[in-house]
């Protein structure tokens, strides 16, 4: 029983530290870490349209 509690406690503390670090990093960088990946994916979708980019190795400036 003690081992299960230690595992539970360890996972809770690790989760809290990740959240704490994420918030601190977000404050320092001034970036919304939740929205940044979505924004980057939208930007890449515009830069590399699937119809033009699939199946070739041309530079993105040559795709359009």
PDB file of N, CA and C in Angstrom:
ATOM      1  N   UNK A   1       0.821  -1.184   0.000  1.00  0.00           N
ATOM      2  CA  UNK A   1       0.000   0.000   0.000  1.00  0.00           C
ATOM      3  C   UNK A   1       0.868   1.253   0.000  1.00  0.00           C
ATOM      4  N   UNK A   2       1.945   1.253   0.714  1.00  0.00           N
ATOM      5  CA  UNK A   2       2.836   2.401   0.784  1.00  0.00           C
ATOM      6  C   UNK A   2       3.461   2.687  -0.576  1.00  0.00           C
ATOM      7  N   UNK A   3       3.809   1.657  -1.314  1.00  0.00           N
ATOM      8  CA  UNK A   3       4.415   1.801  -2.629  1.00  0.00           C
ATOM      9  C   UNK A   3       3.441   2.440  -3.616  1.00  0.00           C
ATOM     10  N   UNK A   4       2.170   2.049  -3.547  1.00  0.00           N
ATOM     11  CA  UNK A   4       1.147   2.640  -4.409  1.00  0.00           C
ATOM     12  C   UNK A   4       0.976   4.122  -4.101  1.00  0.00           C
ATOM     13  N   UNK A   5       0.976   4.464  -2.831  1.00  0.00           N
ATOM     14  CA  UNK A   5       0.837   5.863  -2.440  1.00  0.00           C
ATOM     15  C   UNK A   5       2.029   6.684  -2.920  1.00  0.00           C
ATOM     16  N   UNK A   6       3.226   6.137  -2.813  1.00  0.00           N
ATOM     17  CA  UNK A   6       4.420   6.848  -3.270  1.00  0.00           C
ATOM     18  C   UNK A   6       4.363   7.080  -4.778  1.00  0.00           C
ATOM     19  N   UNK A   7       3.898   6.072  -5.536  1.00  0.00           N
ATOM     20  CA  UNK A   7       3.753   6.219  -6.979  1.00  0.00           C
ATOM     21  C   UNK A   7       2.740   7.305  -7.297  1.00  0.00           C
ATOM     22  N   UNK A   8       1.605   7.286  -6.594  1.00  0.00           N
ATOM     23  CA  UNK A   8       0.567   8.299  -6.785  1.00  0.00           C
ATOM     24  C   UNK A   8       1.123   9.687  -6.483  1.00  0.00           C
ATOM     25  N   UNK A   9       1.813   9.819  -5.386  1.00  0.00           N
ATOM     26  CA  UNK A   9       2.384  11.092  -4.978  1.00  0.00           C
ATOM     27  C   UNK A   9       3.430  11.570  -5.984  1.00  0.00           C
ATOM     28  N   UNK A  10       4.265  10.681  -6.440  1.00  0.00           N
ATOM     29  CA  UNK A  10       5.295  11.027  -7.409  1.00  0.00           C
ATOM     30  C   UNK A  10       4.681  11.523  -8.712  1.00  0.00           C
ATOM     31  N   UNK A  11       3.654  10.847  -9.198  1.00  0.00           N
ATOM     32  CA  UNK A  11       3.024  11.272 -10.447  1.00  0.00           C
ATOM     33  C   UNK A  11       2.322  12.608 -10.274  1.00  0.00           C
ATOM     34  N   UNK A  12       1.727  12.836  -9.118  1.00  0.00           N
ATOM     35  CA  UNK A  12       1.057  14.124  -8.867  1.00  0.00           C
ATOM     36  C   UNK A  12       2.071  15.265  -8.822  1.00  0.00           C
ATOM     37  N   UNK A  13       3.171  15.050  -8.149  1.00  0.00           N
ATOM     38  CA  UNK A  13       4.205  16.083  -8.048  1.00  0.00           C
ATOM     39  C   UNK A  13       4.801  16.351  -9.428  1.00  0.00           C
ATOM     40  N   UNK A  14       5.061  15.311 -10.203  1.00  0.00           N
ATOM     41  CA  UNK A  14       5.612  15.484 -11.546  1.00  0.00           C
ATOM     42  C   UNK A  14       4.646  16.266 -12.426  1.00  0.00           C
ATOM     43  N   UNK A  15       3.365  15.961 -12.322  1.00  0.00           N
ATOM     44  CA  UNK A  15       2.352  16.672 -13.093  1.00  0.00           C
ATOM     45  C   UNK A  15       2.323  18.143 -12.695  1.00  0.00           C
ATOM     46  N   UNK A  16       2.378  18.414 -11.408  1.00  0.00           N
ATOM     47  CA  UNK A  16       2.365  19.795 -10.919  1.00  0.00           C
ATOM     48  C   UNK A  16       3.601  20.553 -11.398  1.00  0.00           C
ATOM     49  N   UNK A  17       4.763  19.906 -11.382  1.00  0.00           N
ATOM     50  CA  UNK A  17       5.986  20.558 -11.845  1.00  0.00           C
ATOM     51  C   UNK A  17       5.920  20.882 -13.328  1.00  0.00           C
ATOM     52  N   UNK A  18       5.380  19.960 -14.142  1.00  0.00           N
ATOM     53  CA  UNK A  18       5.233  20.230 -15.571  1.00  0.00           C
ATOM     54  C   UNK A  18       4.336  21.433 -15.801  1.00  0.00           C
ATOM     55  N   UNK A  19       3.218  21.500 -15.098  1.00  0.00           N
ATOM     56  CA  UNK A  19       2.298  22.624 -15.235  1.00  0.00           C
ATOM     57  C   UNK A  19       2.971  23.908 -14.782  1.00  0.00           C
ATOM     58  N   UNK A  20       3.689  23.851 -13.682  1.00  0.00           N
ATOM     59  CA  UNK A  20       4.383  25.023 -13.160  1.00  0.00           C
ATOM     60  C   UNK A  20       5.435  25.521 -14.143  1.00  0.00           C
ATOM     61  N   UNK A  21       6.215  24.613 -14.690  1.00  0.00           N
ATOM     62  CA  UNK A  21       7.253  24.994 -15.655  1.00  0.00           C
ATOM     63  C   UNK A  21       6.642  25.558 -16.928  1.00  0.00           C
ATOM     64  N   UNK A  22       5.540  24.944 -17.379  1.00  0.00           N
ATOM     65  CA  UNK A  22       4.878  25.408 -18.595  1.00  0.00           C
ATOM     66  C   UNK A  22       4.381  26.839 -18.414  1.00  0.00           C
ATOM     67  N   UNK A  23       3.779  27.127 -17.272  1.00  0.00           N
ATOM     68  CA  UNK A  23       3.282  28.475 -17.013  1.00  0.00           C
ATOM     69  C   UNK A  23       4.435  29.470 -16.918  1.00  0.00           C
ATOM     70  N   UNK A  24       5.514  29.080 -16.258  1.00  0.00           N
ATOM     71  CA  UNK A  24       6.669  29.960 -16.123  1.00  0.00           C
ATOM     72  C   UNK A  24       7.304  30.232 -17.485  1.00  0.00           C
ATOM     73  N   UNK A  25       7.469  29.210 -18.294  1.00  0.00           N
ATOM     74  CA  UNK A  25       8.041  29.366 -19.622  1.00  0.00           C
ATOM     75  C   UNK A  25       7.151  30.250 -20.484  1.00  0.00           C
ATOM     76  N   UNK A  26       5.863  30.064 -20.376  1.00  0.00           N
ATOM     77  CA  UNK A  26       4.917  30.885 -21.124  1.00  0.00           C
ATOM     78  C   UNK A  26       5.043  32.348 -20.721  1.00  0.00           C
ATOM     79  N   UNK A  27       5.188  32.610 -19.440  1.00  0.00           N
ATOM     80  CA  UNK A  27       5.341  33.989 -18.963  1.00  0.00           C
ATOM     81  C   UNK A  27       6.646  34.607 -19.443  1.00  0.00           C
ATOM     82  N   UNK A  28       7.728  33.861 -19.365  1.00  0.00           N
ATOM     83  CA  UNK A  28       9.043  34.374 -19.739  1.00  0.00           C
ATOM     84  C   UNK A  28       9.109  34.658 -21.235  1.00  0.00           C
ATOM     85  N   UNK A  29       8.619  33.721 -22.041  1.00  0.00           N
ATOM     86  CA  UNK A  29       8.703  33.883 -23.485  1.00  0.00           C
ATOM     87  C   UNK A  29       7.603  34.760 -24.054  1.00  0.00           C
ATOM     88  N   UNK A  30       6.531  34.911 -23.320  1.00  0.00           N
ATOM     89  CA  UNK A  30       5.404  35.682 -23.814  1.00  0.00           C
ATOM     90  C   UNK A  30       4.661  34.963 -24.926  1.00  0.00           C
ATOM     91  N   UNK A  31       4.653  33.626 -24.866  1.00  0.00           N
ATOM     92  CA  UNK A  31       4.019  32.809 -25.900  1.00  0.00           C
ATOM     93  C   UNK A  31       2.944  31.956 -25.248  1.00  0.00           C
ATOM     94  N   UNK A  32       1.797  31.864 -25.907  1.00  0.00           N
ATOM     95  CA  UNK A  32       0.749  30.965 -25.435  1.00  0.00           C
ATOM     96  C   UNK A  32       1.113  29.557 -25.893  1.00  0.00           C
ATOM     97  N   UNK A  33       1.602  28.731 -24.986  1.00  0.00           N
ATOM     98  CA  UNK A  33       2.092  27.405 -25.339  1.00  0.00           C
ATOM     99  C   UNK A  33       0.971  26.462 -25.764  1.00  0.00           C
ATOM    100  N   UNK A  34      -0.255  26.786 -25.436  1.00  0.00           N
ATOM    101  CA  UNK A  34      -1.379  25.967 -25.876  1.00  0.00           C
ATOM    102  C   UNK A  34      -1.702  26.245 -27.342  1.00  0.00           C
ATOM    103  N   UNK A  35      -1.609  27.507 -27.763  1.00  0.00           N
ATOM    104  CA  UNK A  35      -1.999  27.901 -29.116  1.00  0.00           C
ATOM    105  C   UNK A  35      -0.853  27.819 -30.122  1.00  0.00           C
ATOM    106  N   UNK A  36       0.376  27.836 -29.668  1.00  0.00           N
ATOM    107  CA  UNK A  36       1.530  27.882 -30.566  1.00  0.00           C
ATOM    108  C   UNK A  36       1.577  26.711 -31.558  1.00  0.00           C
ATOM    109  N   UNK A  37       1.370  25.458 -31.142  1.00  0.00           N
ATOM    110  CA  UNK A  37       1.423  24.363 -32.114  1.00  0.00           C
ATOM    111  C   UNK A  37       0.333  24.470 -33.184  1.00  0.00           C
ATOM    112  N   UNK A  38      -0.866  24.865 -32.789  1.00  0.00           N
ATOM    113  CA  UNK A  38      -1.955  25.014 -33.748  1.00  0.00           C
ATOM    114  C   UNK A  38      -1.646  26.112 -34.746  1.00  0.00           C
ATOM    115  N   UNK A  39      -1.140  27.224 -34.255  1.00  0.00           N
ATOM    116  CA  UNK A  39      -0.778  28.333 -35.129  1.00  0.00           C
ATOM    117  C   UNK A  39       0.292  27.905 -36.118  1.00  0.00           C
ATOM    118  N   UNK A  40       1.283  27.152 -35.645  1.00  0.00           N
ATOM    119  CA  UNK A  40       2.359  26.682 -36.515  1.00  0.00           C
ATOM    120  C   UNK A  40       1.820  25.718 -37.575  1.00  0.00           C
ATOM    121  N   UNK A  41       0.900  24.850 -37.208  1.00  0.00           N
ATOM    122  CA  UNK A  41       0.335  23.915 -38.169  1.00  0.00           C
ATOM    123  C   UNK A  41      -0.469  24.640 -39.246  1.00  0.00           C
ATOM    124  N   UNK A  42      -1.197  25.669 -38.865  1.00  0.00           N
ATOM    125  CA  UNK A  42      -1.950  26.461 -39.841  1.00  0.00           C
ATOM    126  C   UNK A  42      -0.995  27.168 -40.787  1.00  0.00           C
ATOM    127  N   UNK A  43       0.068  27.732 -40.238  1.00  0.00           N
ATOM    128  CA  UNK A  43       1.078  28.414 -41.061  1.00  0.00           C
ATOM    129  C   UNK A  43       1.725  27.436 -42.048  1.00  0.00           C
ATOM    130  N   UNK A  44       2.062  26.235 -41.579  1.00  0.00           N
ATOM    131  CA  UNK A  44       2.671  25.230 -42.458  1.00  0.00           C
ATOM    132  C   UNK A  44       1.698  24.753 -43.527  1.00  0.00           C
ATOM    133  N   UNK A  45       0.415  24.659 -43.194  1.00  0.00           N
ATOM    134  CA  UNK A  45      -0.579  24.236 -44.178  1.00  0.00           C
ATOM    135  C   UNK A  45      -0.675  25.253 -45.318  1.00  0.00           C
ATOM    136  N   UNK A  46      -0.529  26.517 -44.988  1.00  0.00           N
ATOM    137  CA  UNK A  46      -0.541  27.550 -46.026  1.00  0.00           C
ATOM    138  C   UNK A  46       0.751  27.516 -46.843  1.00  0.00           C
ATOM    139  N   UNK A  47       1.865  27.288 -46.165  1.00  0.00           N
ATOM    140  CA  UNK A  47       3.171  27.311 -46.816  1.00  0.00           C
ATOM    141  C   UNK A  47       3.380  26.083 -47.699  1.00  0.00           C
ATOM    142  N   UNK A  48       2.871  24.945 -47.265  1.00  0.00           N
ATOM    143  CA  UNK A  48       3.040  23.688 -47.993  1.00  0.00           C
ATOM    144  C   UNK A  48       1.667  23.085 -48.313  1.00  0.00           C
ATOM    145  N   UNK A  49       0.948  23.606 -49.304  1.00  0.00           N
ATOM    146  CA  UNK A  49      -0.366  23.037 -49.621  1.00  0.00           C
ATOM    147  C   UNK A  49      -0.228  21.577 -50.051  1.00  0.00           C
ATOM    148  N   UNK A  50      -1.100  20.744 -49.535  1.00  0.00           N
ATOM    149  CA  UNK A  50      -1.011  19.306 -49.776  1.00  0.00           C
ATOM    150  C   UNK A  50      -1.026  18.988 -51.264  1.00  0.00           C
ATOM    151  N   UNK A  51      -1.904  19.644 -52.006  1.00  0.00           N
ATOM    152  CA  UNK A  51      -2.030  19.344 -53.428  1.00  0.00           C
ATOM    153  C   UNK A  51      -0.723  19.597 -54.177  1.00  0.00           C
ATOM    154  N   UNK A  52       0.004  20.626 -53.778  1.00  0.00           N
ATOM    155  CA  UNK A  52       1.241  20.990 -54.473  1.00  0.00           C
ATOM    156  C   UNK A  52       2.470  20.281 -53.909  1.00  0.00           C
ATOM    157  N   UNK A  53       2.477  19.998 -52.619  1.00  0.00           N
ATOM    158  CA  UNK A  53       3.680  19.478 -51.976  1.00  0.00           C
ATOM    159  C   UNK A  53       3.788  17.957 -51.980  1.00  0.00           C
ATOM    160  N   UNK A  54       2.665  17.262 -52.028  1.00  0.00           N
ATOM    161  CA  UNK A  54       2.708  15.804 -51.933  1.00  0.00           C
ATOM    162  C   UNK A  54       3.383  15.205 -53.162  1.00  0.00           C
ATOM    163  N   UNK A  55       4.379  14.381 -52.907  1.00  0.00           N
ATOM    164  CA  UNK A  55       5.021  13.623 -53.964  1.00  0.00           C
ATOM    165  C   UNK A  55       6.149  14.341 -54.684  1.00  0.00           C
ATOM    166  N   UNK A  56       6.557  15.510 -54.226  1.00  0.00           N
ATOM    167  CA  UNK A  56       7.707  16.150 -54.866  1.00  0.00           C
ATOM    168  C   UNK A  56       8.607  16.777 -53.812  1.00  0.00           C
ATOM    169  N   UNK A  57       9.810  17.082 -54.220  1.00  0.00           N
ATOM    170  CA  UNK A  57      10.791  17.608 -53.261  1.00  0.00           C
ATOM    171  C   UNK A  57      11.209  19.044 -53.592  1.00  0.00           C
ATOM    172  N   UNK A  58      10.369  19.742 -54.342  1.00  0.00           N
ATOM    173  CA  UNK A  58      10.702  21.124 -54.665  1.00  0.00           C
ATOM    174  C   UNK A  58      10.652  22.009 -53.418  1.00  0.00           C
ATOM    175  N   UNK A  59      11.398  23.096 -53.462  1.00  0.00           N
ATOM    176  CA  UNK A  59      11.398  24.056 -52.369  1.00  0.00           C
ATOM    177  C   UNK A  59      10.025  24.701 -52.286  1.00  0.00           C
ATOM    178  N   UNK A  60       9.629  25.087 -51.084  1.00  0.00           N
ATOM    179  CA  UNK A  60       8.282  25.617 -50.903  1.00  0.00           C
ATOM    180  C   UNK A  60       8.010  26.860 -51.733  1.00  0.00           C
ATOM    181  N   UNK A  61       9.055  27.624 -52.054  1.00  0.00           N
ATOM    182  CA  UNK A  61       8.844  28.820 -52.876  1.00  0.00           C
ATOM    183  C   UNK A  61       8.532  28.447 -54.320  1.00  0.00           C
ATOM    184  N   UNK A  62       8.859  27.218 -54.721  1.00  0.00           N
ATOM    185  CA  UNK A  62       8.605  26.758 -56.086  1.00  0.00           C
ATOM    186  C   UNK A  62       7.272  25.999 -56.206  1.00  0.00           C
ATOM    187  N   UNK A  63       6.552  25.831 -55.108  1.00  0.00           N
ATOM    188  CA  UNK A  63       5.328  25.050 -55.133  1.00  0.00           C
ATOM    189  C   UNK A  63       4.161  25.790 -55.760  1.00  0.00           C
ATOM    190  N   UNK A  64       4.080  27.062 -55.582  1.00  0.00           N
ATOM    191  CA  UNK A  64       2.901  27.811 -56.028  1.00  0.00           C
ATOM    192  C   UNK A  64       2.877  28.050 -57.502  1.00  0.00           C
TER     193      UNK A  64
END
